mmCIF file of all heavy atoms, coordinates in Angstrom:
data_MODEL
# 
_entry.id   MODEL 
# 
loop_
_atom_site.group_PDB 
_atom_site.id 
_atom_site.type_symbol 
_atom_site.label_atom_id 
_atom_site.label_alt_id 
_atom_site.label_comp_id 
_atom_site.label_asym_id 
_atom_site.label_entity_id 
_atom_site.label_seq_id 
_atom_site.pdbx_PDB_ins_code 
_atom_site.Cartn_x 
_atom_site.Cartn_y 
_atom_site.Cartn_z 
_atom_site.occupancy 
_atom_site.B_iso_or_equiv 
_atom_site.pdbx_formal_charge 
_atom_site.auth_seq_id 
_atom_site.auth_comp_id 
_atom_site.auth_asym_id 
_atom_site.auth_atom_id 
_atom_site.pdbx_PDB_model_num 
ATOM 1   N N   . ARG A 1 1  ? -15.835 -1.229 22.687 1.00 0.00 ? 1  ARG A N   1 
ATOM 2   C CA  . ARG A 1 1  ? -15.592 -1.952 23.935 1.00 0.00 ? 1  ARG A CA  1 
ATOM 3   C C   . ARG A 1 1  ? -14.610 -1.174 24.837 1.00 0.00 ? 1  ARG A C   1 
ATOM 4   O O   . ARG A 1 1  ? -14.727 -1.180 26.023 1.00 0.00 ? 1  ARG A O   1 
ATOM 5   C CB  . ARG A 1 1  ? -15.038 -3.336 23.629 1.00 0.00 ? 1  ARG A CB  1 
ATOM 6   C CG  . ARG A 1 1  ? -16.093 -4.289 23.001 1.00 0.00 ? 1  ARG A CG  1 
ATOM 7   C CD  . ARG A 1 1  ? -15.492 -5.722 22.834 1.00 0.00 ? 1  ARG A CD  1 
ATOM 8   N NE  . ARG A 1 1  ? -15.147 -6.274 24.120 1.00 0.00 ? 1  ARG A NE  1 
ATOM 9   C CZ  . ARG A 1 1  ? -14.460 -7.416 24.251 1.00 0.00 ? 1  ARG A CZ  1 
ATOM 10  N NH1 . ARG A 1 1  ? -14.110 -8.089 23.162 1.00 0.00 ? 1  ARG A NH1 1 
ATOM 11  N NH2 . ARG A 1 1  ? -14.182 -7.860 25.441 1.00 0.00 ? 1  ARG A NH2 1 
ATOM 12  N N   . ALA A 1 2  ? -13.649 -0.520 24.192 1.00 0.00 ? 2  ALA A N   1 
ATOM 13  C CA  . ALA A 1 2  ? -12.706 0.264  24.991 1.00 0.00 ? 2  ALA A CA  1 
ATOM 14  C C   . ALA A 1 2  ? -13.367 1.474  25.667 1.00 0.00 ? 2  ALA A C   1 
ATOM 15  O O   . ALA A 1 2  ? -13.116 1.727  26.846 1.00 0.00 ? 2  ALA A O   1 
ATOM 16  C CB  . ALA A 1 2  ? -11.534 0.738  24.092 1.00 0.00 ? 2  ALA A CB  1 
ATOM 17  N N   . ILE A 1 3  ? -14.297 2.060  24.956 1.00 0.00 ? 3  ILE A N   1 
ATOM 18  C CA  . ILE A 1 3  ? -15.091 3.171  25.549 1.00 0.00 ? 3  ILE A CA  1 
ATOM 19  C C   . ILE A 1 3  ? -15.882 2.611  26.734 1.00 0.00 ? 3  ILE A C   1 
ATOM 20  O O   . ILE A 1 3  ? -16.059 3.285  27.747 1.00 0.00 ? 3  ILE A O   1 
ATOM 21  C CB  . ILE A 1 3  ? -16.027 3.769  24.491 1.00 0.00 ? 3  ILE A CB  1 
ATOM 22  C CG1 . ILE A 1 3  ? -15.176 4.574  23.490 1.00 0.00 ? 3  ILE A CG1 1 
ATOM 23  C CG2 . ILE A 1 3  ? -17.056 4.653  25.160 1.00 0.00 ? 3  ILE A CG2 1 
ATOM 24  C CD1 . ILE A 1 3  ? -16.002 5.037  22.251 1.00 0.00 ? 3  ILE A CD1 1 
ATOM 25  N N   . GLY A 1 4  ? -16.304 1.346  26.640 1.00 0.00 ? 4  GLY A N   1 
ATOM 26  C CA  . GLY A 1 4  ? -17.044 0.775  27.732 1.00 0.00 ? 4  GLY A CA  1 
ATOM 27  C C   . GLY A 1 4  ? -16.279 0.586  29.021 1.00 0.00 ? 4  GLY A C   1 
ATOM 28  O O   . GLY A 1 4  ? -16.901 0.513  30.124 1.00 0.00 ? 4  GLY A O   1 
ATOM 29  N N   . VAL A 1 5  ? -14.932 0.554  28.914 1.00 0.00 ? 5  VAL A N   1 
ATOM 30  C CA  . VAL A 1 5  ? -14.117 0.479  30.159 1.00 0.00 ? 5  VAL A CA  1 
ATOM 31  C C   . VAL A 1 5  ? -13.537 1.852  30.508 1.00 0.00 ? 5  VAL A C   1 
ATOM 32  O O   . VAL A 1 5  ? -12.692 1.959  31.373 1.00 0.00 ? 5  VAL A O   1 
ATOM 33  C CB  . VAL A 1 5  ? -12.988 -0.557 30.031 1.00 0.00 ? 5  VAL A CB  1 
ATOM 34  C CG1 . VAL A 1 5  ? -13.568 -1.953 29.807 1.00 0.00 ? 5  VAL A CG1 1 
ATOM 35  C CG2 . VAL A 1 5  ? -11.973 -0.224 28.969 1.00 0.00 ? 5  VAL A CG2 1 
ATOM 36  N N   . GLY A 1 6  ? -13.966 2.868  29.796 1.00 0.00 ? 6  GLY A N   1 
ATOM 37  C CA  . GLY A 1 6  ? -13.580 4.269  30.178 1.00 0.00 ? 6  GLY A CA  1 
ATOM 38  C C   . GLY A 1 6  ? -12.571 4.952  29.287 1.00 0.00 ? 6  GLY A C   1 
ATOM 39  O O   . GLY A 1 6  ? -12.174 6.070  29.602 1.00 0.00 ? 6  GLY A O   1 
ATOM 40  N N   . VAL A 1 7  ? -12.118 4.297  28.233 1.00 0.00 ? 7  VAL A N   1 
ATOM 41  C CA  . VAL A 1 7  ? -11.163 4.884  27.344 1.00 0.00 ? 7  VAL A CA  1 
ATOM 42  C C   . VAL A 1 7  ? -11.779 5.980  26.524 1.00 0.00 ? 7  VAL A C   1 
ATOM 43  O O   . VAL A 1 7  ? -12.931 5.874  26.067 1.00 0.00 ? 7  VAL A O   1 
ATOM 44  C CB  . VAL A 1 7  ? -10.532 3.811  26.394 1.00 0.00 ? 7  VAL A CB  1 
ATOM 45  C CG1 . VAL A 1 7  ? -9.726  4.423  25.260 1.00 0.00 ? 7  VAL A CG1 1 
ATOM 46  C CG2 . VAL A 1 7  ? -9.703  2.857  27.194 1.00 0.00 ? 7  VAL A CG2 1 
ATOM 47  N N   . VAL A 1 8  ? -11.059 7.101  26.286 1.00 0.00 ? 8  VAL A N   1 
ATOM 48  C CA  . VAL A 1 8  ? -11.615 8.243  25.567 1.00 0.00 ? 8  VAL A CA  1 
ATOM 49  C C   . VAL A 1 8  ? -10.778 8.641  24.320 1.00 0.00 ? 8  VAL A C   1 
ATOM 50  O O   . VAL A 1 8  ? -11.052 9.614  23.659 1.00 0.00 ? 8  VAL A O   1 
ATOM 51  C CB  . VAL A 1 8  ? -11.891 9.427  26.452 1.00 0.00 ? 8  VAL A CB  1 
ATOM 52  C CG1 . VAL A 1 8  ? -12.923 9.104  27.526 1.00 0.00 ? 8  VAL A CG1 1 
ATOM 53  C CG2 . VAL A 1 8  ? -10.566 9.936  27.108 1.00 0.00 ? 8  VAL A CG2 1 
ATOM 54  N N   . GLY A 1 9  ? -9.747  7.866  24.078 1.00 0.00 ? 9  GLY A N   1 
ATOM 55  C CA  . GLY A 1 9  ? -8.901  8.082  22.918 1.00 0.00 ? 9  GLY A CA  1 
ATOM 56  C C   . GLY A 1 9  ? -8.091  6.832  22.648 1.00 0.00 ? 9  GLY A C   1 
ATOM 57  O O   . GLY A 1 9  ? -7.984  5.951  23.485 1.00 0.00 ? 9  GLY A O   1 
ATOM 58  N N   . ALA A 1 10 ? -7.541  6.730  21.423 1.00 0.00 ? 10 ALA A N   1 
ATOM 59  C CA  . ALA A 1 10 ? -6.774  5.521  21.100 1.00 0.00 ? 10 ALA A CA  1 
ATOM 60  C C   . ALA A 1 10 ? -5.862  5.766  19.935 1.00 0.00 ? 10 ALA A C   1 
ATOM 61  O O   . ALA A 1 10 ? -6.119  6.576  19.054 1.00 0.00 ? 10 ALA A O   1 
ATOM 62  C CB  . ALA A 1 10 ? -7.732  4.336  20.812 1.00 0.00 ? 10 ALA A CB  1 
ATOM 63  N N   . ASN A 1 11 ? -4.814  4.911  19.879 1.00 0.00 ? 11 ASN A N   1 
ATOM 64  C CA  . ASN A 1 11 ? -4.041  4.688  18.658 1.00 0.00 ? 11 ASN A CA  1 
ATOM 65  C C   . ASN A 1 11 ? -4.644  3.486  17.975 1.00 0.00 ? 11 ASN A C   1 
ATOM 66  O O   . ASN A 1 11 ? -4.890  2.472  18.643 1.00 0.00 ? 11 ASN A O   1 
ATOM 67  C CB  . ASN A 1 11 ? -2.569  4.365  18.954 1.00 0.00 ? 11 ASN A CB  1 
ATOM 68  C CG  . ASN A 1 11 ? -1.805  5.394  19.659 1.00 0.00 ? 11 ASN A CG  1 
ATOM 69  O OD1 . ASN A 1 11 ? -2.291  6.561  19.800 1.00 0.00 ? 11 ASN A OD1 1 
ATOM 70  N ND2 . ASN A 1 11 ? -0.643  5.106  20.142 1.00 0.00 ? 11 ASN A ND2 1 
ATOM 71  N N   . VAL A 1 12 ? -4.847  3.570  16.688 1.00 0.00 ? 12 VAL A N   1 
ATOM 72  C CA  . VAL A 1 12 ? -5.194  2.369  15.876 1.00 0.00 ? 12 VAL A CA  1 
ATOM 73  C C   . VAL A 1 12 ? -4.298  2.394  14.647 1.00 0.00 ? 12 VAL A C   1 
ATOM 74  O O   . VAL A 1 12 ? -4.294  3.350  13.908 1.00 0.00 ? 12 VAL A O   1 
ATOM 75  C CB  . VAL A 1 12 ? -6.712  2.329  15.512 1.00 0.00 ? 12 VAL A CB  1 
ATOM 76  C CG1 . VAL A 1 12 ? -6.991  1.120  14.698 1.00 0.00 ? 12 VAL A CG1 1 
ATOM 77  C CG2 . VAL A 1 12 ? -7.577  2.381  16.754 1.00 0.00 ? 12 VAL A CG2 1 
ATOM 78  N N   . GLU A 1 13 ? -3.610  1.286  14.418 1.00 0.00 ? 13 GLU A N   1 
ATOM 79  C CA  . GLU A 1 13 ? -2.643  1.156  13.319 1.00 0.00 ? 13 GLU A CA  1 
ATOM 80  C C   . GLU A 1 13 ? -3.347  0.877  11.994 1.00 0.00 ? 13 GLU A C   1 
ATOM 81  O O   . GLU A 1 13 ? -4.330  0.150  11.940 1.00 0.00 ? 13 GLU A O   1 
ATOM 82  C CB  . GLU A 1 13 ? -1.691  0.017  13.602 1.00 0.00 ? 13 GLU A CB  1 
ATOM 83  C CG  . GLU A 1 13 ? -0.958  0.089  14.939 1.00 0.00 ? 13 GLU A CG  1 
ATOM 84  C CD  . GLU A 1 13 ? -0.339  -1.273 15.331 1.00 0.00 ? 13 GLU A CD  1 
ATOM 85  O OE1 . GLU A 1 13 ? -0.456  -2.225 14.557 1.00 0.00 ? 13 GLU A OE1 1 
ATOM 86  O OE2 . GLU A 1 13 ? 0.228   -1.297 16.416 1.00 0.00 ? 13 GLU A OE2 1 
ATOM 87  N N   . ASP A 1 14 ? -2.757  1.430  10.932 1.00 0.00 ? 14 ASP A N   1 
ATOM 88  C CA  . ASP A 1 14 ? -3.337  1.078  9.625  1.00 0.00 ? 14 ASP A CA  1 
ATOM 89  C C   . ASP A 1 14 ? -2.684  -0.194 9.064  1.00 0.00 ? 14 ASP A C   1 
ATOM 90  O O   . ASP A 1 14 ? -3.236  -0.846 8.200  1.00 0.00 ? 14 ASP A O   1 
ATOM 91  C CB  . ASP A 1 14 ? -3.150  2.238  8.573  1.00 0.00 ? 14 ASP A CB  1 
ATOM 92  C CG  . ASP A 1 14 ? -1.731  2.565  8.296  1.00 0.00 ? 14 ASP A CG  1 
ATOM 93  O OD1 . ASP A 1 14 ? -0.780  1.905  8.751  1.00 0.00 ? 14 ASP A OD1 1 
ATOM 94  O OD2 . ASP A 1 14 ? -1.516  3.591  7.559  1.00 0.00 ? 14 ASP A OD2 1 
ATOM 95  N N   . GLN A 1 15 ? -1.519  -0.595 9.635  1.00 0.00 ? 15 GLN A N   1 
ATOM 96  C CA  . GLN A 1 15 ? -0.847  -1.813 9.202  1.00 0.00 ? 15 GLN A CA  1 
ATOM 97  C C   . GLN A 1 15 ? -0.670  -1.867 7.692  1.00 0.00 ? 15 GLN A C   1 
ATOM 98  O O   . GLN A 1 15 ? -0.623  -2.912 7.040  1.00 0.00 ? 15 GLN A O   1 
ATOM 99  C CB  . GLN A 1 15 ? -1.538  -3.046 9.724  1.00 0.00 ? 15 GLN A CB  1 
ATOM 100 C CG  . GLN A 1 15 ? -1.609  -3.090 11.271 1.00 0.00 ? 15 GLN A CG  1 
ATOM 101 C CD  . GLN A 1 15 ? -2.360  -4.194 11.883 1.00 0.00 ? 15 GLN A CD  1 
ATOM 102 O OE1 . GLN A 1 15 ? -3.180  -4.864 11.180 1.00 0.00 ? 15 GLN A OE1 1 
ATOM 103 N NE2 . GLN A 1 15 ? -2.125  -4.512 13.125 1.00 0.00 ? 15 GLN A NE2 1 
ATOM 104 N N   . LEU A 1 16 ? -0.612  -0.662 7.067  1.00 0.00 ? 16 LEU A N   1 
ATOM 105 C CA  . LEU A 1 16 ? -0.446  -0.486 5.627  1.00 0.00 ? 16 LEU A CA  1 
ATOM 106 C C   . LEU A 1 16 ? -1.529  -1.216 4.819  1.00 0.00 ? 16 LEU A C   1 
ATOM 107 O O   . LEU A 1 16 ? -1.315  -1.712 3.708  1.00 0.00 ? 16 LEU A O   1 
ATOM 108 C CB  . LEU A 1 16 ? 0.924   -0.904 5.149  1.00 0.00 ? 16 LEU A CB  1 
ATOM 109 C CG  . LEU A 1 16 ? 2.066   0.015  5.589  1.00 0.00 ? 16 LEU A CG  1 
ATOM 110 C CD1 . LEU A 1 16 ? 3.363   -0.287 4.839  1.00 0.00 ? 16 LEU A CD1 1 
ATOM 111 C CD2 . LEU A 1 16 ? 1.742   1.508  5.472  1.00 0.00 ? 16 LEU A CD2 1 
ATOM 112 N N   . ARG A 1 17 ? -2.741  -1.254 5.436  1.00 0.00 ? 17 ARG A N   1 
ATOM 113 C CA  . ARG A 1 17 ? -3.887  -1.737 4.639  1.00 0.00 ? 17 ARG A CA  1 
ATOM 114 C C   . ARG A 1 17 ? -4.078  -0.819 3.418  1.00 0.00 ? 17 ARG A C   1 
ATOM 115 O O   . ARG A 1 17 ? -3.618  0.322  3.414  1.00 0.00 ? 17 ARG A O   1 
ATOM 116 C CB  . ARG A 1 17 ? -5.173  -1.752 5.470  1.00 0.00 ? 17 ARG A CB  1 
ATOM 117 C CG  . ARG A 1 17 ? -5.159  -2.702 6.673  1.00 0.00 ? 17 ARG A CG  1 
ATOM 118 C CD  . ARG A 1 17 ? -6.469  -2.611 7.404  1.00 0.00 ? 17 ARG A CD  1 
ATOM 119 N NE  . ARG A 1 17 ? -6.536  -3.578 8.522  1.00 0.00 ? 17 ARG A NE  1 
ATOM 120 C CZ  . ARG A 1 17 ? -6.224  -3.310 9.772  1.00 0.00 ? 17 ARG A CZ  1 
ATOM 121 N NH1 . ARG A 1 17 ? -5.775  -2.100 10.075 1.00 0.00 ? 17 ARG A NH1 1 
ATOM 122 N NH2 . ARG A 1 17 ? -6.273  -4.225 10.687 1.00 0.00 ? 17 ARG A NH2 1 
ATOM 123 N N   . PRO A 1 18 ? -4.784  -1.278 2.396  1.00 0.00 ? 18 PRO A N   1 
ATOM 124 C CA  . PRO A 1 18 ? -5.103  -0.355 1.310  1.00 0.00 ? 18 PRO A CA  1 
ATOM 125 C C   . PRO A 1 18 ? -5.707  0.921  1.845  1.00 0.00 ? 18 PRO A C   1 
ATOM 126 O O   . PRO A 1 18 ? -6.521  0.908  2.763  1.00 0.00 ? 18 PRO A O   1 
ATOM 127 C CB  . PRO A 1 18 ? -6.099  -1.118 0.476  1.00 0.00 ? 18 PRO A CB  1 
ATOM 128 C CG  . PRO A 1 18 ? -5.731  -2.569 0.718  1.00 0.00 ? 18 PRO A CG  1 
ATOM 129 C CD  . PRO A 1 18 ? -5.286  -2.641 2.165  1.00 0.00 ? 18 PRO A CD  1 
ATOM 130 N N   . LEU A 1 19 ? -5.334  2.070  1.244  1.00 0.00 ? 19 LEU A N   1 
ATOM 131 C CA  . LEU A 1 19 ? -5.677  3.319  1.833  1.00 0.00 ? 19 LEU A CA  1 
ATOM 132 C C   . LEU A 1 19 ? -7.173  3.533  1.998  1.00 0.00 ? 19 LEU A C   1 
ATOM 133 O O   . LEU A 1 19 ? -7.625  4.017  3.015  1.00 0.00 ? 19 LEU A O   1 
ATOM 134 C CB  . LEU A 1 19 ? -5.101  4.478  0.991  1.00 0.00 ? 19 LEU A CB  1 
ATOM 135 C CG  . LEU A 1 19 ? -5.326  5.886  1.481  1.00 0.00 ? 19 LEU A CG  1 
ATOM 136 C CD1 . LEU A 1 19 ? -4.892  6.092  2.911  1.00 0.00 ? 19 LEU A CD1 1 
ATOM 137 C CD2 . LEU A 1 19 ? -4.649  6.921  0.577  1.00 0.00 ? 19 LEU A CD2 1 
ATOM 138 N N   . ALA A 1 20 ? -7.958  3.140  0.977  1.00 0.00 ? 20 ALA A N   1 
ATOM 139 C CA  . ALA A 1 20 ? -9.391  3.331  1.090  1.00 0.00 ? 20 ALA A CA  1 
ATOM 140 C C   . ALA A 1 20 ? -9.994  2.526  2.293  1.00 0.00 ? 20 ALA A C   1 
ATOM 141 O O   . ALA A 1 20 ? -10.821 3.049  3.041  1.00 0.00 ? 20 ALA A O   1 
ATOM 142 C CB  . ALA A 1 20 ? -10.055 2.886  -0.216 1.00 0.00 ? 20 ALA A CB  1 
ATOM 143 N N   . GLU A 1 21 ? -9.497  1.334  2.517  1.00 0.00 ? 21 GLU A N   1 
ATOM 144 C CA  . GLU A 1 21 ? -9.893  0.527  3.640  1.00 0.00 ? 21 GLU A CA  1 
ATOM 145 C C   . GLU A 1 21 ? -9.465  1.154  4.952  1.00 0.00 ? 21 GLU A C   1 
ATOM 146 O O   . GLU A 1 21 ? -10.285 1.226  5.913  1.00 0.00 ? 21 GLU A O   1 
ATOM 147 C CB  . GLU A 1 21 ? -9.337  -0.894 3.523  1.00 0.00 ? 21 GLU A CB  1 
ATOM 148 C CG  . GLU A 1 21 ? -9.678  -1.805 4.678  1.00 0.00 ? 21 GLU A CG  1 
ATOM 149 C CD  . GLU A 1 21 ? -8.970  -3.156 4.625  1.00 0.00 ? 21 GLU A CD  1 
ATOM 150 O OE1 . GLU A 1 21 ? -8.442  -3.469 3.540  1.00 0.00 ? 21 GLU A OE1 1 
ATOM 151 O OE2 . GLU A 1 21 ? -8.882  -3.829 5.663  1.00 0.00 ? 21 GLU A OE2 1 
ATOM 152 N N   . ALA A 1 22 ? -8.266  1.632  5.036  1.00 0.00 ? 22 ALA A N   1 
ATOM 153 C CA  . ALA A 1 22 ? -7.763  2.210  6.233  1.00 0.00 ? 22 ALA A CA  1 
ATOM 154 C C   . ALA A 1 22 ? -8.552  3.530  6.617  1.00 0.00 ? 22 ALA A C   1 
ATOM 155 O O   . ALA A 1 22 ? -8.928  3.769  7.776  1.00 0.00 ? 22 ALA A O   1 
ATOM 156 C CB  . ALA A 1 22 ? -6.283  2.542  6.162  1.00 0.00 ? 22 ALA A CB  1 
ATOM 157 N N   . ALA A 1 23 ? -8.832  4.363  5.575  1.00 0.00 ? 23 ALA A N   1 
ATOM 158 C CA  . ALA A 1 23 ? -9.597  5.549  5.852  1.00 0.00 ? 23 ALA A CA  1 
ATOM 159 C C   . ALA A 1 23 ? -11.053 5.220  6.272  1.00 0.00 ? 23 ALA A C   1 
ATOM 160 O O   . ALA A 1 23 ? -11.614 5.879  7.127  1.00 0.00 ? 23 ALA A O   1 
ATOM 161 C CB  . ALA A 1 23 ? -9.583  6.460  4.583  1.00 0.00 ? 23 ALA A CB  1 
ATOM 162 N N   . ALA A 1 24 ? -11.598 4.182  5.665  1.00 0.00 ? 24 ALA A N   1 
ATOM 163 C CA  . ALA A 1 24 ? -12.968 3.763  6.041  1.00 0.00 ? 24 ALA A CA  1 
ATOM 164 C C   . ALA A 1 24 ? -12.939 3.254  7.497  1.00 0.00 ? 24 ALA A C   1 
ATOM 165 O O   . ALA A 1 24 ? -13.953 3.476  8.209  1.00 0.00 ? 24 ALA A O   1 
ATOM 166 C CB  . ALA A 1 24 ? -13.437 2.664  5.092  1.00 0.00 ? 24 ALA A CB  1 
ATOM 167 N N   . ASN A 1 25 ? -11.890 2.635  7.961  1.00 0.00 ? 25 ASN A N   1 
ATOM 168 C CA  . ASN A 1 25 ? -11.787 2.213  9.347  1.00 0.00 ? 25 ASN A CA  1 
ATOM 169 C C   . ASN A 1 25 ? -11.843 3.430  10.274 1.00 0.00 ? 25 ASN A C   1 
ATOM 170 O O   . ASN A 1 25 ? -12.473 3.372  11.331 1.00 0.00 ? 25 ASN A O   1 
ATOM 171 C CB  . ASN A 1 25 ? -10.506 1.413  9.600  1.00 0.00 ? 25 ASN A CB  1 
ATOM 172 C CG  . ASN A 1 25 ? -10.647 -0.023 9.236  1.00 0.00 ? 25 ASN A CG  1 
ATOM 173 O OD1 . ASN A 1 25 ? -11.760 -0.592 9.286  1.00 0.00 ? 25 ASN A OD1 1 
ATOM 174 N ND2 . ASN A 1 25 ? -9.521  -0.698 9.003  1.00 0.00 ? 25 ASN A ND2 1 
ATOM 175 N N   . VAL A 1 26 ? -11.155 4.484  9.900  1.00 0.00 ? 26 VAL A N   1 
ATOM 176 C CA  . VAL A 1 26 ? -11.168 5.712  10.718 1.00 0.00 ? 26 VAL A CA  1 
ATOM 177 C C   . VAL A 1 26 ? -12.590 6.242  10.830 1.00 0.00 ? 26 VAL A C   1 
ATOM 178 O O   . VAL A 1 26 ? -13.059 6.525  11.912 1.00 0.00 ? 26 VAL A O   1 
ATOM 179 C CB  . VAL A 1 26 ? -10.269 6.808  10.108 1.00 0.00 ? 26 VAL A CB  1 
ATOM 180 C CG1 . VAL A 1 26 ? -10.450 8.154  10.796 1.00 0.00 ? 26 VAL A CG1 1 
ATOM 181 C CG2 . VAL A 1 26 ? -8.790  6.363  10.232 1.00 0.00 ? 26 VAL A CG2 1 
# 
């Protein structure tokens, strides 16, 4: 959705989720 308004980069926090889940989010 951010790309839809023209964003081309972002910060996204891991919020210390389990590492496998956080890497899968990436």
